[in-house]
Each structure stands twice: as structure tokens, then as C-alpha cells.
Amino acid sequence: METVYVVKGMTCGHCVGSVTQEISALPGVEGVDVVLETGKVTVKSEAALTEDAVREAVDEAGYELVGVSE
């Protein structure tokens, strides 16, 4: 399953690394791809993740989850 989220506040490679690390630690996550310029974070997972779980991981990294991208 693949879901694209929008994250606000990332400005550099370190930001990308922090978000990737926190989301990757969630159970069932198989891959995370962050596009710094757009703030889009594509998460590949075995099953659907709850938005709350992803929001918590993004908050832990120090950024804001805006929501799911259309």
C-alpha cells in the first residue's frame, strides 16, 4: 500500500532524514520517500497506517503533518 502525506516545516536534508527515520520506525512501514521541495512524503507499508500514527511520528521529528495528499 502506498500513501502520500504532506508535511510542513522541512527545509533541509537533515529534516528529510528526521522525518524518514521516525516514519520508518512505524510497524509495517517498508519504505519512505521524502520530496523536500513539495513537502510530500510517500510511505509504502504492508497495510494502511492510521493518520494519527503518522502524525505522531512527524511530530516526534519536529514537523507538522498537514494531511493526506490527493
PDB file of N, CA and C in Angstrom:
ATOM      1  N   MET A   1       0.855  -1.173   0.000  1.00  0.00           N
ATOM      2  CA  MET A   1       0.000   0.000   0.000  1.00  0.00           C
ATOM      3  C   MET A   1       0.900   1.235   0.000  1.00  0.00           C
ATOM      4  N   GLU A   2       0.464   2.259  -0.718  1.00  0.00           N
ATOM      5  CA  GLU A   2       1.256   3.489  -0.812  1.00  0.00           C
ATOM      6  C   GLU A   2       0.357   4.688  -0.512  1.00  0.00           C
ATOM      7  N   THR A   3       0.797   5.540   0.406  1.00  0.00           N
ATOM      8  CA  THR A   3       0.046   6.732   0.782  1.00  0.00           C
ATOM      9  C   THR A   3       0.982   7.931   0.739  1.00  0.00           C
ATOM     10  N   VAL A   4       0.486   9.053   0.235  1.00  0.00           N
ATOM     11  CA  VAL A   4       1.287  10.269   0.152  1.00  0.00           C
ATOM     12  C   VAL A   4       0.734  11.281   1.156  1.00  0.00           C
ATOM     13  N   TYR A   5       1.616  11.766   2.014  1.00  0.00           N
ATOM     14  CA  TYR A   5       1.259  12.748   3.032  1.00  0.00           C
ATOM     15  C   TYR A   5       1.944  14.067   2.706  1.00  0.00           C
ATOM     16  N   VAL A   6       1.426  15.155   3.263  1.00  0.00           N
ATOM     17  CA  VAL A   6       2.049  16.466   3.109  1.00  0.00           C
ATOM     18  C   VAL A   6       2.536  16.900   4.485  1.00  0.00           C
ATOM     19  N   VAL A   7       3.839  17.234   4.552  1.00  0.00           N
ATOM     20  CA  VAL A   7       4.465  17.639   5.813  1.00  0.00           C
ATOM     21  C   VAL A   7       4.984  19.059   5.665  1.00  0.00           C
ATOM     22  N   LYS A   8       4.726  19.888   6.664  1.00  0.00           N
ATOM     23  CA  LYS A   8       5.129  21.293   6.637  1.00  0.00           C
ATOM     24  C   LYS A   8       6.309  21.512   7.588  1.00  0.00           C
ATOM     25  N   GLY A   9       7.238  22.383   7.157  1.00  0.00           N
ATOM     26  CA  GLY A   9       8.323  22.795   8.035  1.00  0.00           C
ATOM     27  C   GLY A   9       9.695  22.234   7.684  1.00  0.00           C
ATOM     28  N   MET A  10       9.760  21.323   6.723  1.00  0.00           N
ATOM     29  CA  MET A  10      11.062  20.755   6.347  1.00  0.00           C
ATOM     30  C   MET A  10      11.805  21.735   5.445  1.00  0.00           C
ATOM     31  N   THR A  11      13.096  21.957   5.750  1.00  0.00           N
ATOM     32  CA  THR A  11      13.860  22.931   4.968  1.00  0.00           C
ATOM     33  C   THR A  11      15.205  22.400   4.462  1.00  0.00           C
ATOM     34  N   CYS A  12      15.618  21.206   4.916  1.00  0.00           N
ATOM     35  CA  CYS A  12      16.959  20.734   4.540  1.00  0.00           C
ATOM     36  C   CYS A  12      17.040  19.206   4.578  1.00  0.00           C
ATOM     37  N   GLY A  13      18.187  18.703   4.225  1.00  0.00           N
ATOM     38  CA  GLY A  13      18.425  17.262   4.229  1.00  0.00           C
ATOM     39  C   GLY A  13      18.282  16.637   5.600  1.00  0.00           C
ATOM     40  N   HIS A  14      18.663  17.372   6.629  1.00  0.00           N
ATOM     41  CA  HIS A  14      18.527  16.863   7.994  1.00  0.00           C
ATOM     42  C   HIS A  14      17.045  16.651   8.320  1.00  0.00           C
ATOM     43  N   CYS A  15      16.207  17.580   7.880  1.00  0.00           N
ATOM     44  CA  CYS A  15      14.756  17.466   8.089  1.00  0.00           C
ATOM     45  C   CYS A  15      14.239  16.186   7.430  1.00  0.00           C
ATOM     46  N   VAL A  16      14.655  15.966   6.196  1.00  0.00           N
ATOM     47  CA  VAL A  16      14.246  14.772   5.452  1.00  0.00           C
ATOM     48  C   VAL A  16      14.658  13.520   6.211  1.00  0.00           C
ATOM     49  N   GLY A  17      15.892  13.499   6.716  1.00  0.00           N
ATOM     50  CA  GLY A  17      16.395  12.354   7.464  1.00  0.00           C
ATOM     51  C   GLY A  17      15.602  12.091   8.730  1.00  0.00           C
ATOM     52  N   SER A  18      15.253  13.146   9.437  1.00  0.00           N
ATOM     53  CA  SER A  18      14.491  13.006  10.683  1.00  0.00           C
ATOM     54  C   SER A  18      13.107  12.439  10.426  1.00  0.00           C
ATOM     55  N   VAL A  19      12.424  12.981   9.426  1.00  0.00           N
ATOM     56  CA  VAL A  19      11.079  12.505   9.089  1.00  0.00           C
ATOM     57  C   VAL A  19      11.136  11.064   8.610  1.00  0.00           C
ATOM     58  N   THR A  20      12.107  10.759   7.741  1.00  0.00           N
ATOM     59  CA  THR A  20      12.258   9.394   7.228  1.00  0.00           C
ATOM     60  C   THR A  20      12.501   8.413   8.362  1.00  0.00           C
ATOM     61  N   GLN A  21      13.383   8.765   9.278  1.00  0.00           N
ATOM     62  CA  GLN A  21      13.719   7.877  10.394  1.00  0.00           C
ATOM     63  C   GLN A  21      12.508   7.600  11.284  1.00  0.00           C
ATOM     64  N   GLU A  22      11.756   8.635  11.640  1.00  0.00           N
ATOM     65  CA  GLU A  22      10.607   8.462  12.529  1.00  0.00           C
ATOM     66  C   GLU A  22       9.494   7.648  11.870  1.00  0.00           C
ATOM     67  N   ILE A  23       9.186   7.942  10.611  1.00  0.00           N
ATOM     68  CA  ILE A  23       8.114   7.193   9.933  1.00  0.00           C
ATOM     69  C   ILE A  23       8.550   5.759   9.662  1.00  0.00           C
ATOM     70  N   SER A  24       9.817   5.562   9.324  1.00  0.00           N
ATOM     71  CA  SER A  24      10.331   4.211   9.063  1.00  0.00           C
ATOM     72  C   SER A  24      10.224   3.305  10.278  1.00  0.00           C
ATOM     73  N   ALA A  25      10.213   3.900  11.468  1.00  0.00           N
ATOM     74  CA  ALA A  25      10.143   3.122  12.713  1.00  0.00           C
ATOM     75  C   ALA A  25       8.734   2.602  12.999  1.00  0.00           C
ATOM     76  N   LEU A  26       7.737   3.093  12.261  1.00  0.00           N
ATOM     77  CA  LEU A  26       6.368   2.616  12.481  1.00  0.00           C
ATOM     78  C   LEU A  26       6.232   1.170  12.004  1.00  0.00           C
ATOM     79  N   PRO A  27       5.457   0.352  12.732  1.00  0.00           N
ATOM     80  CA  PRO A  27       5.276  -1.055  12.338  1.00  0.00           C
ATOM     81  C   PRO A  27       4.638  -1.175  10.953  1.00  0.00           C
ATOM     82  N   GLY A  28       5.212  -2.038  10.127  1.00  0.00           N
ATOM     83  CA  GLY A  28       4.655  -2.304   8.807  1.00  0.00           C
ATOM     84  C   GLY A  28       5.170  -1.413   7.694  1.00  0.00           C
ATOM     85  N   VAL A  29       5.951  -0.379   8.032  1.00  0.00           N
ATOM     86  CA  VAL A  29       6.464   0.530   7.004  1.00  0.00           C
ATOM     87  C   VAL A  29       7.619  -0.151   6.263  1.00  0.00           C
ATOM     88  N   GLU A  30       7.503  -0.164   4.939  1.00  0.00           N
ATOM     89  CA  GLU A  30       8.519  -0.805   4.097  1.00  0.00           C
ATOM     90  C   GLU A  30       9.426   0.204   3.408  1.00  0.00           C
ATOM     91  N   GLY A  31       8.970   1.452   3.288  1.00  0.00           N
ATOM     92  CA  GLY A  31       9.783   2.462   2.629  1.00  0.00           C
ATOM     93  C   GLY A  31       9.199   3.847   2.786  1.00  0.00           C
ATOM     94  N   VAL A  32      10.074   4.847   2.793  1.00  0.00           N
ATOM     95  CA  VAL A  32       9.659   6.244   2.923  1.00  0.00           C
ATOM     96  C   VAL A  32      10.452   7.059   1.908  1.00  0.00           C
ATOM     97  N   ASP A  33       9.744   7.874   1.119  1.00  0.00           N
ATOM     98  CA  ASP A  33      10.399   8.731   0.140  1.00  0.00           C
ATOM     99  C   ASP A  33       9.919  10.162   0.381  1.00  0.00           C
ATOM    100  N   VAL A  34      10.848  11.062   0.692  1.00  0.00           N
ATOM    101  CA  VAL A  34      10.504  12.452   1.002  1.00  0.00           C
ATOM    102  C   VAL A  34      11.001  13.365  -0.116  1.00  0.00           C
ATOM    103  N   VAL A  35      10.112  14.222  -0.613  1.00  0.00           N
ATOM    104  CA  VAL A  35      10.492  15.230  -1.601  1.00  0.00           C
ATOM    105  C   VAL A  35      10.469  16.573  -0.880  1.00  0.00           C
ATOM    106  N   LEU A  36      11.648  17.067  -0.556  1.00  0.00           N
ATOM    107  CA  LEU A  36      11.791  18.289   0.236  1.00  0.00           C
ATOM    108  C   LEU A  36      11.077  19.485  -0.396  1.00  0.00           C
ATOM    109  N   GLU A  37      11.214  19.651  -1.707  1.00  0.00           N
ATOM    110  CA  GLU A  37      10.670  20.816  -2.398  1.00  0.00           C
ATOM    111  C   GLU A  37       9.144  20.919  -2.291  1.00  0.00           C
ATOM    112  N   THR A  38       8.465  19.774  -2.277  1.00  0.00           N
ATOM    113  CA  THR A  38       6.994  19.782  -2.250  1.00  0.00           C
ATOM    114  C   THR A  38       6.439  19.471  -0.859  1.00  0.00           C
ATOM    115  N   GLY A  39       7.284  18.917   0.012  1.00  0.00           N
ATOM    116  CA  GLY A  39       6.821  18.510   1.329  1.00  0.00           C
ATOM    117  C   GLY A  39       6.050  17.205   1.298  1.00  0.00           C
ATOM    118  N   LYS A  40       6.084  16.519   0.155  1.00  0.00           N
ATOM    119  CA  LYS A  40       5.335  15.262   0.030  1.00  0.00           C
ATOM    120  C   LYS A  40       6.171  14.086   0.518  1.00  0.00           C
ATOM    121  N   VAL A  41       5.522  13.242   1.314  1.00  0.00           N
ATOM    122  CA  VAL A  41       6.172  12.065   1.889  1.00  0.00           C
ATOM    123  C   VAL A  41       5.372  10.842   1.459  1.00  0.00           C
ATOM    124  N   THR A  42       5.989   9.995   0.640  1.00  0.00           N
ATOM    125  CA  THR A  42       5.335   8.775   0.184  1.00  0.00           C
ATOM    126  C   THR A  42       5.748   7.641   1.109  1.00  0.00           C
ATOM    127  N   VAL A  43       4.748   6.981   1.684  1.00  0.00           N
ATOM    128  CA  VAL A  43       5.011   5.895   2.627  1.00  0.00           C
ATOM    129  C   VAL A  43       4.474   4.597   2.035  1.00  0.00           C
ATOM    130  N   LYS A  44       5.365   3.613   1.900  1.00  0.00           N
ATOM    131  CA  LYS A  44       4.964   2.281   1.455  1.00  0.00           C
ATOM    132  C   LYS A  44       4.867   1.403   2.691  1.00  0.00           C
ATOM    133  N   SER A  45       3.728   0.729   2.835  1.00  0.00           N
ATOM    134  CA  SER A  45       3.524  -0.095   4.026  1.00  0.00           C
ATOM    135  C   SER A  45       2.751  -1.359   3.682  1.00  0.00           C
ATOM    136  N   GLU A  46       2.874  -2.356   4.560  1.00  0.00           N
ATOM    137  CA  GLU A  46       2.189  -3.629   4.369  1.00  0.00           C
ATOM    138  C   GLU A  46       0.681  -3.436   4.401  1.00  0.00           C
ATOM    139  N   ALA A  47       0.210  -2.601   5.307  1.00  0.00           N
ATOM    140  CA  ALA A  47      -1.215  -2.320   5.474  1.00  0.00           C
ATOM    141  C   ALA A  47      -1.384  -0.826   5.714  1.00  0.00           C
ATOM    142  N   ALA A  48      -2.618  -0.371   5.662  1.00  0.00           N
ATOM    143  CA  ALA A  48      -2.888   1.052   5.877  1.00  0.00           C
ATOM    144  C   ALA A  48      -2.439   1.476   7.266  1.00  0.00           C
ATOM    145  N   LEU A  49      -1.800   2.638   7.328  1.00  0.00           N
ATOM    146  CA  LEU A  49      -1.407   3.222   8.609  1.00  0.00           C
ATOM    147  C   LEU A  49      -2.474   4.218   9.022  1.00  0.00           C
ATOM    148  N   THR A  50      -2.654   4.398  10.310  1.00  0.00           N
ATOM    149  CA  THR A  50      -3.592   5.435  10.734  1.00  0.00           C
ATOM    150  C   THR A  50      -2.909   6.787  10.581  1.00  0.00           C
ATOM    151  N   GLU A  51      -3.689   7.782  10.235  1.00  0.00           N
ATOM    152  CA  GLU A  51      -3.122   9.130  10.088  1.00  0.00           C
ATOM    153  C   GLU A  51      -2.554   9.605  11.422  1.00  0.00           C
ATOM    154  N   ASP A  52      -3.190   9.188  12.526  1.00  0.00           N
ATOM    155  CA  ASP A  52      -2.698   9.565  13.854  1.00  0.00           C
ATOM    156  C   ASP A  52      -1.294   9.035  14.114  1.00  0.00           C
ATOM    157  N   ALA A  53      -1.029   7.790  13.684  1.00  0.00           N
ATOM    158  CA  ALA A  53       0.298   7.200  13.888  1.00  0.00           C
ATOM    159  C   ALA A  53       1.352   7.972  13.100  1.00  0.00           C
ATOM    160  N   VAL A  54       1.019   8.320  11.867  1.00  0.00           N
ATOM    161  CA  VAL A  54       1.957   9.068  11.029  1.00  0.00           C
ATOM    162  C   VAL A  54       2.141  10.472  11.604  1.00  0.00           C
ATOM    163  N   ARG A  55       1.052  11.096  12.053  1.00  0.00           N
ATOM    164  CA  ARG A  55       1.122  12.438  12.642  1.00  0.00           C
ATOM    165  C   ARG A  55       2.048  12.437  13.863  1.00  0.00           C
ATOM    166  N   GLU A  56       1.915  11.405  14.699  1.00  0.00           N
ATOM    167  CA  GLU A  56       2.755  11.290  15.893  1.00  0.00           C
ATOM    168  C   GLU A  56       4.236  11.188  15.513  1.00  0.00           C
ATOM    169  N   ALA A  57       4.529  10.379  14.489  1.00  0.00           N
ATOM    170  CA  ALA A  57       5.914  10.212  14.045  1.00  0.00           C
ATOM    171  C   ALA A  57       6.474  11.528  13.504  1.00  0.00           C
ATOM    172  N   VAL A  58       5.669  12.238  12.720  1.00  0.00           N
ATOM    173  CA  VAL A  58       6.102  13.516  12.150  1.00  0.00           C
ATOM    174  C   VAL A  58       6.300  14.545  13.268  1.00  0.00           C
ATOM    175  N   ASP A  59       5.379  14.563  14.238  1.00  0.00           N
ATOM    176  CA  ASP A  59       5.512  15.464  15.390  1.00  0.00           C
ATOM    177  C   ASP A  59       6.804  15.170  16.146  1.00  0.00           C
ATOM    178  N   GLU A  60       7.098  13.892  16.327  1.00  0.00           N
ATOM    179  CA  GLU A  60       8.315  13.468  17.042  1.00  0.00           C
ATOM    180  C   GLU A  60       9.567  13.987  16.324  1.00  0.00           C
ATOM    181  N   ALA A  61       9.490  14.046  14.995  1.00  0.00           N
ATOM    182  CA  ALA A  61      10.619  14.554  14.205  1.00  0.00           C
ATOM    183  C   ALA A  61      10.700  16.079  14.265  1.00  0.00           C
ATOM    184  N   GLY A  62       9.619  16.724  14.739  1.00  0.00           N
ATOM    185  CA  GLY A  62       9.632  18.178  14.877  1.00  0.00           C
ATOM    186  C   GLY A  62       8.948  18.938  13.754  1.00  0.00           C
ATOM    187  N   TYR A  63       8.065  18.250  13.006  1.00  0.00           N
ATOM    188  CA  TYR A  63       7.401  18.882  11.867  1.00  0.00           C
ATOM    189  C   TYR A  63       5.894  18.689  11.975  1.00  0.00           C
ATOM    190  N   GLU A  64       5.160  19.252  11.027  1.00  0.00           N
ATOM    191  CA  GLU A  64       3.699  19.212  11.078  1.00  0.00           C
ATOM    192  C   GLU A  64       3.127  18.441   9.902  1.00  0.00           C
ATOM    193  N   LEU A  65       2.302  17.430  10.201  1.00  0.00           N
ATOM    194  CA  LEU A  65       1.598  16.694   9.166  1.00  0.00           C
ATOM    195  C   LEU A  65       0.371  17.508   8.784  1.00  0.00           C
ATOM    196  N   VAL A  66       0.308  17.930   7.520  1.00  0.00           N
ATOM    197  CA  VAL A  66      -0.817  18.721   7.045  1.00  0.00           C
ATOM    198  C   VAL A  66      -1.982  17.794   6.721  1.00  0.00           C
ATOM    199  N   GLY A  67      -1.681  16.627   6.138  1.00  0.00           N
ATOM    200  CA  GLY A  67      -2.721  15.666   5.793  1.00  0.00           C
ATOM    201  C   GLY A  67      -2.281  14.748   4.670  1.00  0.00           C
ATOM    202  N   VAL A  68      -3.259  14.034   4.131  1.00  0.00           N
ATOM    203  CA  VAL A  68      -3.003  13.110   3.028  1.00  0.00           C
ATOM    204  C   VAL A  68      -3.131  13.879   1.726  1.00  0.00           C
ATOM    205  N   SER A  69      -2.207  13.658   0.812  1.00  0.00           N
ATOM    206  CA  SER A  69      -2.221  14.332  -0.478  1.00  0.00           C
ATOM    207  C   SER A  69      -3.230  13.654  -1.388  1.00  0.00           C
ATOM    208  N   GLU A  70      -3.920  14.447  -2.181  1.00  0.00           N
ATOM    209  CA  GLU A  70      -4.912  13.898  -3.129  1.00  0.00           C
ATOM    210  C   GLU A  70      -4.222  13.416  -4.391  1.00  0.00           C
TER     211      GLU A  70
END
